[in-house]
Protein backbone atom coordinates (compact mmCIF):
# COMPACT_ATOMS: atom_id res chain seq x y z
CA MET A 1 112.26 123.78 146.19
CA LEU A 2 111.77 127.21 147.73
CA LYS A 3 113.96 127.74 150.77
CA ILE A 4 112.68 130.34 153.25
CA ASP A 5 114.97 131.57 156.03
CA VAL A 6 113.63 133.77 158.83
CA ILE A 7 115.78 135.91 161.13
CA THR A 8 114.09 136.78 164.43
CA ILE A 9 114.79 137.27 168.14
CA PHE A 10 111.70 135.20 168.97
CA PRO A 11 112.11 131.91 167.05
CA ASN A 12 109.55 130.11 169.22
CA ILE A 13 106.77 132.22 167.70
CA PHE A 14 107.09 130.01 164.62
CA ASP A 15 106.90 126.68 166.52
CA ASN A 16 103.33 125.79 165.49
CA PHE A 17 103.33 127.69 162.24
CA THR A 18 104.39 124.67 160.18
CA ASN A 19 101.74 122.34 161.59
CA PHE A 20 98.72 123.63 159.70
CA GLY A 21 97.27 124.31 156.25
CA VAL A 22 99.32 125.16 153.20
CA ILE A 23 102.54 125.57 155.21
CA LYS A 24 102.39 121.96 156.38
CA GLU A 25 101.32 120.82 152.91
CA GLY A 26 104.20 122.56 151.18
CA ILE A 27 106.79 121.22 153.60
CA ASN A 28 105.43 117.66 153.60
CA LYS A 29 105.48 117.62 149.79
CA LYS A 30 109.05 118.96 149.86
CA LEU A 31 108.05 121.99 147.83
CA CYS A 32 109.47 124.37 150.40
CA ASP A 33 111.84 124.38 153.35
CA LEU A 34 111.40 126.79 156.28
CA ASN A 35 114.33 127.58 158.58
CA ILE A 36 114.18 129.87 161.61
CA TYR A 37 117.34 131.61 162.84
CA ASN A 38 117.77 133.25 166.23
CA LEU A 39 119.40 136.65 165.66
CA ARG A 40 121.12 136.46 169.06
CA GLU A 41 123.27 133.60 167.78
CA PHE A 42 125.00 136.00 165.40
CA THR A 43 125.89 138.87 167.71
CA GLU A 44 129.50 139.51 168.73
CA ASP A 45 128.35 140.81 172.11
CA LYS A 46 129.09 138.40 174.97
CA HIS A 47 125.71 139.15 176.53
CA LYS A 48 123.90 138.27 173.28
CA LYS A 49 122.78 141.86 172.86
CA VAL A 50 121.37 142.72 169.44
CA ASP A 51 120.00 146.24 170.02
CA ASP A 52 121.21 149.61 171.31
CA ARG A 53 120.10 153.20 171.82
CA PRO A 54 119.72 155.36 168.71
CA TYR A 55 122.35 157.96 167.90
CA GLY A 56 120.89 161.44 168.27
CA GLY A 57 118.56 160.36 171.04
CA GLY A 58 114.96 159.25 170.94
CA ALA A 59 112.70 156.64 172.44
CA GLY A 60 113.22 152.92 172.18
CA MET A 61 116.00 150.70 170.94
CA ILE A 62 117.36 149.93 167.46
CA PHE A 63 118.60 146.61 166.08
CA MET A 64 122.35 146.85 165.53
CA VAL A 65 123.72 146.34 162.02
CA GLN A 66 126.35 143.69 162.85
CA PRO A 67 124.12 140.80 164.02
CA ILE A 68 121.75 141.12 161.07
CA ASP A 69 124.59 141.48 158.57
CA SER A 70 126.31 138.40 160.00
CA ALA A 71 123.09 136.38 159.96
CA VAL A 72 122.33 137.22 156.33
CA ARG A 73 125.90 136.46 155.23
CA HIS A 74 125.82 133.13 157.08
CA ILE A 75 122.57 132.10 155.37
CA LYS A 76 123.77 133.14 151.92
CA GLU A 77 127.05 131.25 152.32
CA LYS A 78 125.14 128.20 153.52
CA ASN A 79 122.66 128.25 150.65
CA LYS A 80 125.08 129.18 147.84
CA LEU A 81 122.29 130.10 145.42
CA LYS A 82 122.15 132.31 142.35
CA ILE A 83 121.81 135.97 143.35
CA LYS A 84 118.92 136.55 140.91
CA LEU A 85 116.86 133.82 142.57
CA GLN A 86 117.51 134.98 146.13
CA LYS A 87 115.88 137.95 147.86
CA THR A 88 116.54 139.38 151.32
CA ILE A 89 113.42 141.09 152.65
CA LEU A 90 113.03 143.43 155.59
CA LEU A 91 109.51 143.42 157.07
CA THR A 92 108.93 147.05 158.02
CA PRO A 93 106.04 149.56 158.14
CA GLY A 94 107.95 151.77 155.70
CA GLY A 95 108.17 149.11 153.01
CA ASP A 96 106.14 148.66 149.84
CA LYS A 97 102.66 147.37 150.59
CA LEU A 98 102.40 143.64 150.00
CA LYS A 99 100.28 142.77 146.98
CA GLN A 100 99.32 139.57 145.17
CA ASN A 101 101.68 140.33 142.30
CA THR A 102 104.56 140.59 144.78
CA LEU A 103 103.69 137.18 146.21
CA LYS A 104 103.62 135.69 142.70
CA TYR A 105 107.03 137.20 141.96
CA LEU A 106 108.52 135.90 145.21
CA SER A 107 107.08 132.41 144.64
CA GLY A 108 109.44 132.16 141.67
CA MET A 109 112.55 132.58 143.82
CA GLU A 110 114.74 129.78 145.17
CA ASN A 111 115.48 131.50 148.48
CA LEU A 112 113.80 134.18 150.58
CA ILE A 113 115.59 135.59 153.62
CA LEU A 114 113.14 137.43 155.88
CA ILE A 115 114.36 139.88 158.52
CA CYS A 116 111.85 140.45 161.33
CA GLY A 117 112.32 143.89 162.84
CA ARG A 118 111.45 144.80 166.44
CA TYR A 119 111.47 147.79 168.78
CA GLU A 120 111.97 151.12 166.97
CA GLY A 121 113.50 149.61 163.83
CA VAL A 122 116.86 148.57 162.45
CA ASP A 123 120.13 150.37 161.79
CA GLU A 124 119.67 152.04 158.38
CA ARG A 125 122.99 150.64 157.12
CA ILE A 126 121.62 147.09 156.94
CA LYS A 127 119.35 148.24 154.13
CA GLU A 128 122.40 149.15 152.06
CA LEU A 129 124.43 146.10 153.02
CA ALA A 130 121.96 143.26 152.77
CA VAL A 131 118.34 144.16 151.98
CA ASP A 132 116.87 143.74 148.49
CA MET A 133 113.26 144.57 149.32
CA GLU A 134 111.32 146.28 152.11
CA ILE A 135 107.76 145.05 152.57
CA SER A 136 104.83 146.16 154.72
CA ILE A 137 101.55 144.29 155.13
CA GLY A 138 99.55 147.45 155.74
CA ASP A 139 99.35 150.98 157.10
CA PHE A 140 99.49 150.04 160.77
CA ILE A 141 102.11 149.22 163.40
CA LEU A 142 102.71 145.80 164.99
CA THR A 143 105.15 144.88 167.74
CA GLY A 144 107.44 143.09 165.33
CA GLY A 145 107.97 141.59 161.90
CA GLU A 146 107.13 138.01 162.81
CA ILE A 147 103.42 138.17 161.99
CA PRO A 148 104.07 140.03 158.70
CA ALA A 149 106.65 137.34 157.88
CA MET A 150 104.01 134.65 158.46
CA VAL A 151 101.58 136.50 156.20
CA LEU A 152 104.17 136.66 153.42
CA ILE A 153 105.20 133.02 153.86
CA ASP A 154 101.61 131.80 153.75
CA GLY A 155 100.85 133.90 150.68
CA VAL A 156 103.93 132.65 148.82
CA ILE A 157 103.74 128.96 149.69
CA ARG A 158 100.12 128.58 148.58
CA LEU A 159 101.21 129.73 145.11
CA LEU A 160 103.81 126.99 144.73
CA GLU A 161 102.71 124.43 142.16
CA GLY A 162 101.38 121.33 143.87
CA VAL A 163 100.48 122.92 147.22
CA VAL A 164 96.87 123.88 146.47
CA GLY A 165 94.82 120.98 145.10
CA LYS A 166 93.15 122.76 142.16
CA LYS A 167 94.84 125.47 140.10
CA GLU A 168 91.40 126.90 139.44
CA SER A 169 91.23 127.89 143.12
CA LEU A 170 94.16 130.25 142.55
CA ILE A 171 92.96 131.63 139.23
CA ASN A 172 89.47 132.64 140.32
CA GLU A 173 90.22 134.18 143.71
CA SER A 174 90.31 137.83 144.71
CA PHE A 175 93.02 140.12 143.30
CA GLU A 176 94.17 137.67 140.62
CA ASN A 177 92.47 139.63 137.83
CA GLY A 178 92.30 143.00 139.54
CA LEU A 179 88.84 142.24 140.92
CA LEU A 180 87.39 140.94 144.17
CA GLU A 181 85.97 137.42 144.05
CA TYR A 182 82.33 136.81 143.21
CA PRO A 183 79.88 135.59 145.93
CA GLN A 184 80.00 131.89 146.79
CA TYR A 185 77.21 129.60 148.04
CA THR A 186 76.85 125.97 149.10
CA ARG A 187 74.15 123.67 150.52
CA PRO A 188 71.35 124.13 151.56
CA GLU A 189 69.68 126.02 148.72
CA SER A 190 67.48 127.93 151.17
CA TYR A 191 68.29 129.02 154.72
CA LYS A 192 66.11 131.28 156.90
CA GLY A 193 64.46 132.74 153.84
CA LEU A 194 67.74 133.43 152.03
CA ASN A 195 68.09 131.55 148.75
CA VAL A 196 70.98 130.65 146.47
CA PRO A 197 70.69 132.66 143.22
CA ASP A 198 68.76 130.67 140.61
CA VAL A 199 71.53 131.00 138.02
CA LEU A 200 73.94 128.99 140.17
CA ILE A 201 71.65 125.97 140.26
CA SER A 202 70.57 126.29 136.64
CA GLY A 203 73.34 124.11 135.26
CA ASN A 204 73.99 126.67 132.52
CA HIS A 205 77.75 127.18 132.78
CA GLY A 206 77.78 130.07 130.32
CA LYS A 207 75.25 132.02 132.34
CA ILE A 208 77.05 131.14 135.59
CA LYS A 209 80.35 132.42 134.20
CA LYS A 210 78.72 135.66 133.05
CA TRP A 211 76.96 136.15 136.41
CA ARG A 212 80.22 135.65 138.32
CA GLU A 213 82.10 138.12 136.12
CA GLU A 214 79.38 140.73 136.57
CA LYS A 215 79.26 140.21 140.33
CA SER A 216 83.05 140.51 140.61
CA VAL A 217 82.93 143.88 138.87
CA GLU A 218 79.92 145.01 140.93
CA ILE A 219 81.48 144.06 144.27
CA THR A 220 84.85 145.59 143.40
CA ILE A 221 83.28 148.92 142.41
CA GLU A 222 81.25 148.91 145.63
CA LYS A 223 83.92 147.80 148.11
CA ARG A 224 87.24 148.66 146.46
CA PRO A 225 86.72 151.38 143.82
CA ASP A 226 90.44 152.18 144.09
CA LEU A 227 91.26 148.65 142.94
CA PHE A 228 88.82 148.84 140.04
CA ASP A 229 90.02 152.27 138.87
CA LYS A 230 93.63 151.12 138.93
CA ASN A 231 93.13 147.96 136.89
CA HIS A 232 90.29 148.79 134.53
């Protein structure tokens, strides 16, 4: 079972997250366990303060190192897992961009500890004390790490064996082979003058496979030439 622990100052954001789709499926099948921790419960400040002004001046507030360090240590002591199968991840704009290969790697872990940043960031020392990986979901800024954490959790859980009904669904989708997915069609065969390609209703599986491969290459070159150049 994959155990996912999330550290946040807004735990209620995750209240409905487990009630839908692959997240619910994974939890119900006992393939994963999701725990949400309120960072304020780990601060030594009597007012439950977890942030402070940055040394050297500047706008905004910074998460203090102590509450995050204490939260991570508490979770690790509680889980008592092998270090190699446990990763602590800071969701931050300055992290490595999240890719499908990263999700596949993380799906092989036993425990993921996700730190959701807020405000102007976190005390740099926590990266040395507790963080194994820094991950970003894209070149843009959000108000906090909670939504990126949800993106990562969704992407990882759907890769766990037994969550998605057919393994073929995972094999043939975008990014799995360095290409975007081929076009998909369903009933009716014709709609407002737009028809399903004849090859897909031909029943010739060899021709269908060839058509899909060609379309994947064509679409990737057109829409994501960077992706095609990198992998081919």
